[in-house]
C-alpha cells in the first residue's frame, strides 16, 4: 500500500485541539479550489486552542479538517517532498490554555486543492446513515484507494470521502522522520465519512 490517511492524533488526551469555531469557519473554506483571499478581511485567519483533557499540553504540528491548519515546519516538509497543490493563508493560533495568552504565527490555514476520483467503488462500502433513507452518495464507511487512479499524487482529497486527507508513503515517511507532534497515519480502509 502506498497511500495513508493523515489525521490529527488526539490520544493520549493531551493534544490541544482547535475550538469548535474552527469547524464552522472551516465550512466557509470547504472545497478543493483556490480561494483568492489574498486581500481579505478574513486574514490572518484566527484559531483558538481548546484545553486538553489531561497531561502536559502538546500543540499538534497539523490540525486536519475541511480546511487544515499546518505548522511552517510541516509545510516545509510537504514542499520538500514535492507537494505542490496547497492554497496557503496566514493564520494566528491563540493559546489561552495558561494564565497568559500566547499567539503562534508559525501556522498557516491550508486548503488542499483538487479532488481525485480514486476510490475503488467495488471494494469501498457506502455510508449508511441508518435513518431509513438507505445508502447515500458522497460518503464511505471504509475506503479503498485505486492507486492507478491516484497516479502517484503526493497529497489529495479523495472523491467521494473528501473529508479525508490522503498522503503518499513518501510524505508519510518524511513526516514521521521529523517526529512532528500530534499527527498520525492510518490505512484508508479505516476511514469512514464524507
Protein backbone atom coordinates (compact mmCIF):
# COMPACT_ATOMS: atom_id res chain seq x y z
CA UNK A 1 0.00 0.00 0.00
CA UNK A 2 1.33 3.42 -0.98
CA UNK A 3 -1.36 5.70 0.47
CA UNK A 4 -2.43 6.62 4.01
CA UNK A 5 -4.88 8.91 5.73
CA UNK A 6 -3.26 11.86 7.54
CA UNK A 7 -5.07 12.96 10.68
CA UNK A 8 -4.61 14.84 13.94
CA UNK A 9 -3.74 12.42 16.73
CA UNK A 10 -5.78 13.06 19.87
CA UNK A 11 -4.66 10.18 22.09
CA UNK A 12 -3.43 10.46 24.74
CA UNK A 13 -5.78 13.32 25.52
CA UNK A 14 -3.07 15.95 25.99
CA UNK A 15 -3.14 17.27 22.42
CA UNK A 16 -4.63 20.76 22.44
CA UNK A 17 -7.45 20.88 19.90
CA UNK A 18 -8.73 23.85 17.97
CA UNK A 19 -12.07 25.16 19.30
CA UNK A 20 -15.39 24.30 17.66
CA UNK A 21 -15.49 27.70 15.93
CA UNK A 22 -12.73 26.36 13.69
CA UNK A 23 -15.06 23.70 12.29
CA UNK A 24 -17.71 26.33 11.47
CA UNK A 25 -15.09 28.57 9.89
CA UNK A 26 -13.70 25.56 8.09
CA UNK A 27 -17.08 25.12 6.34
CA UNK A 28 -16.65 28.50 4.68
CA UNK A 29 -13.37 27.27 3.27
CA UNK A 30 -14.62 23.87 2.20
CA UNK A 31 -13.82 22.53 -1.20
CA UNK A 32 -10.70 21.97 -3.16
CA UNK A 33 -10.33 25.17 -5.18
CA UNK A 34 -8.13 28.23 -4.66
CA UNK A 35 -9.95 30.84 -2.56
CA UNK A 36 -8.15 34.01 -3.66
CA UNK A 37 -8.37 35.68 -0.25
CA UNK A 38 -5.05 37.49 -0.52
CA UNK A 39 -6.57 40.93 0.22
CA UNK A 40 -9.37 39.99 2.60
CA UNK A 41 -10.76 40.94 5.97
CA UNK A 42 -10.53 37.23 6.81
CA UNK A 43 -6.74 37.42 7.00
CA UNK A 44 -5.00 36.41 9.06
CA UNK A 45 -7.42 33.60 9.91
CA UNK A 46 -7.56 33.25 13.69
CA UNK A 47 -7.84 29.99 15.61
CA UNK A 48 -8.03 29.34 19.34
CA UNK A 49 -6.80 26.25 21.18
CA UNK A 50 -9.01 24.21 23.48
CA UNK A 51 -7.70 22.85 26.78
CA UNK A 52 -6.69 19.17 26.53
CA UNK A 53 -8.21 16.69 28.95
CA UNK A 54 -5.02 15.64 30.72
CA UNK A 55 -1.27 15.93 30.99
CA UNK A 56 1.20 18.40 29.60
CA UNK A 57 -0.18 20.37 26.68
CA UNK A 58 1.08 19.38 23.25
CA UNK A 59 0.26 21.53 20.24
CA UNK A 60 -0.03 19.46 17.07
CA UNK A 61 2.05 20.27 14.01
CA UNK A 62 -1.15 19.94 11.99
CA UNK A 63 -4.89 20.08 12.50
CA UNK A 64 -6.70 18.22 9.73
CA UNK A 65 -10.28 19.06 8.69
CA UNK A 66 -12.02 20.62 5.69
CA UNK A 67 -9.53 23.45 5.98
CA UNK A 68 -6.28 22.34 7.57
CA UNK A 69 -4.02 24.25 9.93
CA UNK A 70 -0.37 23.31 9.36
CA UNK A 71 2.78 24.50 11.11
CA UNK A 72 5.52 26.05 9.00
CA UNK A 73 7.69 23.04 9.83
CA UNK A 74 5.07 20.65 8.43
CA UNK A 75 4.64 22.82 5.33
CA UNK A 76 8.42 22.84 4.76
CA UNK A 77 8.43 19.04 4.81
CA UNK A 78 5.48 18.86 2.40
CA UNK A 79 7.14 21.26 -0.04
CA UNK A 80 10.48 19.47 0.26
CA UNK A 81 8.99 16.11 -0.78
CA UNK A 82 7.16 17.73 -3.70
CA UNK A 83 3.59 18.51 -2.56
CA UNK A 84 2.52 21.38 -4.80
CA UNK A 85 -1.28 21.60 -4.56
CA UNK A 86 -1.74 23.66 -1.39
CA UNK A 87 -3.53 27.01 -1.13
CA UNK A 88 -1.96 28.65 1.94
CA UNK A 89 -3.16 31.65 4.01
CA UNK A 90 -1.72 33.49 7.01
CA UNK A 91 -3.09 32.32 10.35
CA UNK A 92 -2.79 33.09 14.05
CA UNK A 93 -3.13 30.34 16.63
CA UNK A 94 -4.06 31.66 20.07
CA UNK A 95 -3.16 29.64 23.14
CA UNK A 96 -5.23 30.72 26.14
CA UNK A 97 -4.56 27.49 27.97
CA UNK A 98 -2.39 29.00 30.67
CA UNK A 99 -2.54 32.27 32.59
CA UNK A 100 -1.17 34.29 29.70
CA UNK A 101 -2.10 34.30 26.04
CA UNK A 102 0.48 33.07 23.55
CA UNK A 103 0.00 33.76 19.84
CA UNK A 104 1.69 31.41 17.38
CA UNK A 105 2.40 32.92 13.98
CA UNK A 106 4.10 29.81 12.61
CA UNK A 107 0.87 28.19 11.36
CA UNK A 108 -0.96 28.57 8.07
CA UNK A 109 -4.54 27.83 7.05
CA UNK A 110 -4.36 25.37 4.17
CA UNK A 111 -6.79 24.21 1.50
CA UNK A 112 -5.75 21.06 -0.35
CA UNK A 113 -6.65 21.75 -3.96
CA UNK A 114 -8.14 19.17 -6.26
CA UNK A 115 -10.20 16.07 -5.56
CA UNK A 116 -9.27 12.76 -7.15
CA UNK A 117 -11.87 10.16 -8.10
CA UNK A 118 -9.68 7.29 -6.96
CA UNK A 119 -11.92 5.46 -4.50
CA UNK A 120 -12.36 1.82 -5.51
CA UNK A 121 -16.16 1.76 -5.52
CA UNK A 122 -16.39 -2.03 -5.73
CA UNK A 123 -14.37 -2.56 -2.54
CA UNK A 124 -15.34 0.56 -0.56
CA UNK A 125 -18.58 0.48 1.41
CA UNK A 126 -21.04 3.34 1.05
CA UNK A 127 -22.03 5.15 4.22
CA UNK A 128 -25.47 4.23 5.58
CA UNK A 129 -26.91 6.89 7.88
CA UNK A 130 -29.30 4.37 9.42
CA UNK A 131 -32.20 6.78 9.01
CA UNK A 132 -34.23 4.62 6.66
CA UNK A 133 -33.06 6.51 3.61
CA UNK A 134 -30.68 3.74 2.56
CA UNK A 135 -27.27 4.32 1.14
CA UNK A 136 -26.15 7.78 0.17
CA UNK A 137 -23.70 9.11 -2.37
CA UNK A 138 -20.67 11.02 -1.17
CA UNK A 139 -19.70 9.03 1.90
CA UNK A 140 -17.89 5.81 2.62
CA UNK A 141 -17.77 3.59 5.69
CA UNK A 142 -14.40 2.24 4.56
CA UNK A 143 -12.23 3.45 1.74
CA UNK A 144 -10.00 1.60 -0.66
CA UNK A 145 -7.80 3.67 -2.95
CA UNK A 146 -7.34 2.61 -6.58
CA UNK A 147 -3.66 3.55 -6.73
CA UNK A 148 -3.67 3.59 -10.54
CA UNK A 149 -6.17 6.48 -10.47
CA UNK A 150 -4.18 8.30 -7.77
CA UNK A 151 -1.34 8.36 -10.30
CA UNK A 152 1.43 8.91 -7.76
CA UNK A 153 -0.01 12.15 -6.35
CA UNK A 154 1.56 13.02 -3.01
CA UNK A 155 -1.38 14.63 -1.15
CA UNK A 156 -5.03 14.98 -2.11
CA UNK A 157 -8.69 14.71 -1.16
CA UNK A 158 -10.43 11.57 -2.46
CA UNK A 159 -13.80 11.77 -4.20
CA UNK A 160 -16.03 10.59 -2.51
CA UNK A 161 -14.77 10.91 1.06
CA UNK A 162 -13.35 14.41 0.71
CA UNK A 163 -13.18 14.75 4.50
CA UNK A 164 -10.05 12.61 4.32
CA UNK A 165 -6.56 13.84 3.51
CA UNK A 166 -4.68 11.11 1.65
CA UNK A 167 -0.87 11.16 1.51
CA UNK A 168 1.62 9.05 -0.38
CA UNK A 169 4.01 6.87 1.59
CA UNK A 170 6.84 9.28 0.68
CA UNK A 171 5.02 12.08 2.56
CA UNK A 172 4.27 9.81 5.50
CA UNK A 173 7.91 8.73 5.76
CA UNK A 174 9.21 12.32 5.70
CA UNK A 175 6.74 13.50 8.38
CA UNK A 176 7.46 10.52 10.63
CA UNK A 177 11.22 11.05 10.28
CA UNK A 178 10.77 14.63 11.55
CA UNK A 179 8.83 13.33 14.62
CA UNK A 180 6.28 16.13 14.46
CA UNK A 181 3.78 16.03 17.34
CA UNK A 182 0.07 15.35 17.06
CA UNK A 183 -0.09 13.66 13.66
CA UNK A 184 -1.00 10.09 12.78
CA UNK A 185 -1.40 7.95 9.70
CA UNK A 186 -3.73 5.05 9.14
CA UNK A 187 -4.95 2.70 6.45
CA UNK A 188 -7.71 4.24 4.25
CA UNK A 189 -9.90 1.17 4.90
CA UNK A 190 -10.29 2.52 8.46
CA UNK A 191 -11.72 5.85 7.21
CA UNK A 192 -15.45 6.44 7.38
CA UNK A 193 -17.13 9.72 6.47
CA UNK A 194 -17.81 12.22 3.72
